């Protein structure tokens, strides 16, 4: 089974067994992006995350959820 893009939902080229250090387009704390979203074709390249938010949210899955919510709020 392959990971789905956290932005557009399409299947990526990486299986769940591929370590994140060996992936292109993986955002720690958020998840995997497909090549198009990572290159900026579907996602804004200037999503900003404060150091305070990262420090205050030690759980990576929770941090990813918060970032995705903020992203979707900005997109409307």
N, C-alpha and C. Protein backbone atom coordinates (compact mmCIF):
# COMPACT_ATOMS: atom_id res chain seq x y z
N UNK A 1 0.83 -1.17 0.00
CA UNK A 1 0.00 0.00 0.00
C UNK A 1 0.89 1.25 0.00
N UNK A 2 0.52 2.23 -0.81
CA UNK A 2 1.29 3.46 -0.92
C UNK A 2 0.65 4.57 -0.10
N UNK A 3 1.51 5.50 0.36
CA UNK A 3 1.01 6.66 1.11
C UNK A 3 0.21 7.57 0.19
N UNK A 4 -0.75 8.27 0.77
CA UNK A 4 -1.52 9.26 0.03
C UNK A 4 -0.97 10.64 0.33
N UNK A 5 -1.06 11.52 -0.65
CA UNK A 5 -0.61 12.90 -0.50
C UNK A 5 -1.49 13.60 0.53
N UNK A 6 -0.86 14.31 1.48
CA UNK A 6 -1.62 15.00 2.52
C UNK A 6 -2.31 16.25 1.99
N UNK A 7 -1.96 16.67 0.78
CA UNK A 7 -2.57 17.87 0.22
C UNK A 7 -3.71 17.53 -0.74
N UNK A 8 -3.44 16.71 -1.75
CA UNK A 8 -4.45 16.45 -2.78
C UNK A 8 -5.12 15.09 -2.65
N UNK A 9 -4.54 14.19 -1.83
CA UNK A 9 -5.15 12.88 -1.61
C UNK A 9 -4.78 11.81 -2.62
N UNK A 10 -3.95 12.17 -3.62
CA UNK A 10 -3.55 11.17 -4.62
C UNK A 10 -2.50 10.23 -4.05
N UNK A 11 -2.43 9.04 -4.62
CA UNK A 11 -1.44 8.06 -4.20
C UNK A 11 -0.05 8.55 -4.59
N UNK A 12 0.91 8.41 -3.67
CA UNK A 12 2.28 8.81 -3.94
C UNK A 12 3.08 7.61 -4.44
N UNK A 13 4.33 7.83 -4.73
CA UNK A 13 5.16 6.73 -5.23
C UNK A 13 5.84 5.96 -4.10
N UNK A 14 5.53 6.28 -2.85
CA UNK A 14 6.20 5.65 -1.71
C UNK A 14 5.27 4.73 -0.94
N UNK A 15 5.76 3.53 -0.71
CA UNK A 15 5.05 2.59 0.14
C UNK A 15 5.29 2.95 1.59
N UNK A 16 4.42 2.46 2.45
CA UNK A 16 4.54 2.77 3.87
C UNK A 16 5.82 2.20 4.48
N UNK A 17 6.45 1.26 3.81
CA UNK A 17 7.67 0.64 4.33
C UNK A 17 8.94 1.44 4.00
N UNK A 18 8.84 2.51 3.20
CA UNK A 18 9.99 3.32 2.83
C UNK A 18 10.25 4.35 3.94
N UNK A 19 11.46 4.31 4.48
CA UNK A 19 11.83 5.23 5.57
C UNK A 19 11.76 6.68 5.09
N UNK A 20 11.37 7.60 5.99
CA UNK A 20 11.18 9.00 5.60
C UNK A 20 12.48 9.65 5.13
N UNK A 21 13.63 9.16 5.57
CA UNK A 21 14.90 9.72 5.10
C UNK A 21 15.18 9.39 3.63
N UNK A 22 14.46 8.45 3.10
CA UNK A 22 14.65 8.02 1.72
C UNK A 22 13.57 8.57 0.79
N UNK A 23 12.75 9.49 1.27
CA UNK A 23 11.63 10.01 0.50
C UNK A 23 11.89 11.44 0.05
N UNK A 24 11.26 11.80 -1.04
CA UNK A 24 11.26 13.16 -1.56
C UNK A 24 9.87 13.71 -1.33
N UNK A 25 9.77 14.85 -0.66
CA UNK A 25 8.47 15.45 -0.44
C UNK A 25 7.81 15.08 0.86
N UNK A 26 8.56 14.47 1.78
CA UNK A 26 7.98 14.14 3.08
C UNK A 26 8.19 15.32 4.02
N UNK A 27 7.12 15.75 4.70
CA UNK A 27 7.20 16.84 5.66
C UNK A 27 6.99 16.24 7.04
N UNK A 28 8.05 16.25 7.84
CA UNK A 28 7.97 15.66 9.17
C UNK A 28 6.92 16.38 10.00
N UNK A 29 6.06 15.63 10.63
CA UNK A 29 4.98 16.18 11.43
C UNK A 29 3.70 16.38 10.65
N UNK A 30 3.80 16.27 9.33
CA UNK A 30 2.61 16.46 8.49
C UNK A 30 2.36 15.22 7.65
N UNK A 31 3.36 14.76 6.91
CA UNK A 31 3.21 13.57 6.10
C UNK A 31 3.78 13.73 4.71
N UNK A 32 3.37 12.84 3.81
CA UNK A 32 3.91 12.75 2.46
C UNK A 32 3.13 13.60 1.48
N UNK A 33 3.85 14.30 0.62
CA UNK A 33 3.25 15.03 -0.49
C UNK A 33 3.59 14.30 -1.78
N UNK A 34 2.69 14.35 -2.76
CA UNK A 34 3.01 13.83 -4.08
C UNK A 34 3.99 14.81 -4.73
N UNK A 35 4.60 14.42 -5.82
CA UNK A 35 5.60 15.24 -6.46
C UNK A 35 5.03 16.58 -6.92
N UNK A 36 3.80 16.59 -7.42
CA UNK A 36 3.20 17.84 -7.89
C UNK A 36 2.96 18.82 -6.75
N UNK A 37 2.44 18.34 -5.65
CA UNK A 37 2.18 19.22 -4.51
C UNK A 37 3.50 19.70 -3.90
N UNK A 38 4.48 18.82 -3.82
CA UNK A 38 5.76 19.22 -3.24
C UNK A 38 6.44 20.29 -4.09
N UNK A 39 6.32 20.19 -5.37
CA UNK A 39 6.94 21.18 -6.26
C UNK A 39 6.15 22.48 -6.32
N UNK A 40 5.01 22.51 -5.66
CA UNK A 40 4.25 23.74 -5.59
C UNK A 40 3.12 23.86 -6.59
N UNK A 41 2.84 22.78 -7.30
CA UNK A 41 1.76 22.83 -8.28
C UNK A 41 0.38 22.80 -7.62
N UNK A 42 0.31 22.27 -6.39
CA UNK A 42 -0.97 22.20 -5.70
C UNK A 42 -0.96 22.80 -4.31
N UNK A 43 0.20 23.09 -3.77
CA UNK A 43 0.29 23.58 -2.39
C UNK A 43 1.17 24.81 -2.34
N UNK A 44 0.82 25.73 -1.52
CA UNK A 44 1.61 26.95 -1.37
C UNK A 44 2.96 26.61 -0.77
N UNK A 45 4.05 27.04 -1.38
CA UNK A 45 5.38 26.73 -0.84
C UNK A 45 5.73 27.54 0.39
N UNK A 46 4.93 28.52 0.75
CA UNK A 46 5.28 29.38 1.86
C UNK A 46 4.35 29.22 3.05
N UNK A 47 4.02 27.98 3.39
CA UNK A 47 3.27 27.72 4.61
C UNK A 47 4.24 27.94 5.76
N UNK A 48 3.85 28.78 6.69
CA UNK A 48 4.71 29.11 7.82
C UNK A 48 4.17 28.46 9.09
N UNK A 49 5.08 27.86 9.85
CA UNK A 49 4.73 27.23 11.12
C UNK A 49 5.62 27.85 12.18
N UNK A 50 5.02 28.38 13.22
CA UNK A 50 5.81 29.04 14.26
C UNK A 50 6.57 28.01 15.10
N UNK A 51 7.71 28.44 15.61
CA UNK A 51 8.51 27.59 16.49
C UNK A 51 7.72 27.27 17.75
N UNK A 52 6.91 28.21 18.22
CA UNK A 52 6.09 28.00 19.42
C UNK A 52 5.08 26.88 19.19
N UNK A 53 4.44 26.87 18.02
CA UNK A 53 3.48 25.80 17.72
C UNK A 53 4.18 24.44 17.73
N UNK A 54 5.35 24.38 17.13
CA UNK A 54 6.10 23.12 17.10
C UNK A 54 6.48 22.69 18.51
N UNK A 55 6.99 23.64 19.31
CA UNK A 55 7.40 23.33 20.69
C UNK A 55 6.21 22.92 21.55
N UNK A 56 5.07 23.55 21.34
CA UNK A 56 3.88 23.29 22.16
C UNK A 56 3.10 22.06 21.71
N UNK A 57 3.47 21.48 20.57
CA UNK A 57 2.74 20.32 20.04
C UNK A 57 3.74 19.19 19.77
N UNK A 58 4.13 18.43 20.80
CA UNK A 58 5.16 17.41 20.63
C UNK A 58 4.70 16.18 19.84
N UNK A 59 3.40 15.99 19.72
CA UNK A 59 2.89 14.84 18.99
C UNK A 59 2.85 15.18 17.50
N UNK A 60 3.61 14.44 16.68
CA UNK A 60 3.71 14.74 15.25
C UNK A 60 2.37 14.65 14.53
N UNK A 61 1.55 13.69 14.89
CA UNK A 61 0.25 13.56 14.22
C UNK A 61 -0.65 14.75 14.54
N UNK A 62 -0.61 15.19 15.78
CA UNK A 62 -1.41 16.35 16.18
C UNK A 62 -0.91 17.60 15.48
N UNK A 63 0.41 17.76 15.39
CA UNK A 63 0.99 18.91 14.69
C UNK A 63 0.57 18.91 13.22
N UNK A 64 0.63 17.77 12.59
CA UNK A 64 0.20 17.66 11.19
C UNK A 64 -1.26 18.04 11.01
N UNK A 65 -2.11 17.63 11.94
CA UNK A 65 -3.53 17.97 11.87
C UNK A 65 -3.73 19.48 11.97
N UNK A 66 -3.02 20.10 12.90
CA UNK A 66 -3.14 21.55 13.09
C UNK A 66 -2.66 22.29 11.85
N UNK A 67 -1.55 21.85 11.28
CA UNK A 67 -1.02 22.50 10.08
C UNK A 67 -1.99 22.37 8.92
N UNK A 68 -2.56 21.17 8.74
CA UNK A 68 -3.53 20.97 7.66
C UNK A 68 -4.76 21.85 7.86
N UNK A 69 -5.24 21.98 9.09
CA UNK A 69 -6.39 22.84 9.36
C UNK A 69 -6.09 24.29 8.99
N UNK A 70 -4.91 24.77 9.39
CA UNK A 70 -4.52 26.15 9.07
C UNK A 70 -4.39 26.34 7.56
N UNK A 71 -3.86 25.35 6.88
CA UNK A 71 -3.70 25.43 5.43
C UNK A 71 -5.08 25.54 4.76
N UNK A 72 -6.01 24.71 5.17
CA UNK A 72 -7.34 24.72 4.56
C UNK A 72 -8.11 26.00 4.91
N UNK A 73 -7.88 26.54 6.11
CA UNK A 73 -8.50 27.81 6.47
C UNK A 73 -8.00 28.93 5.55
N UNK A 74 -6.70 28.94 5.26
CA UNK A 74 -6.12 29.98 4.40
C UNK A 74 -6.60 29.86 2.96
N UNK A 75 -6.82 28.62 2.51
CA UNK A 75 -7.27 28.39 1.13
C UNK A 75 -8.74 28.73 0.94
N UNK A 76 -9.47 28.71 2.04
CA UNK A 76 -10.90 29.03 1.97
C UNK A 76 -11.71 27.90 1.65
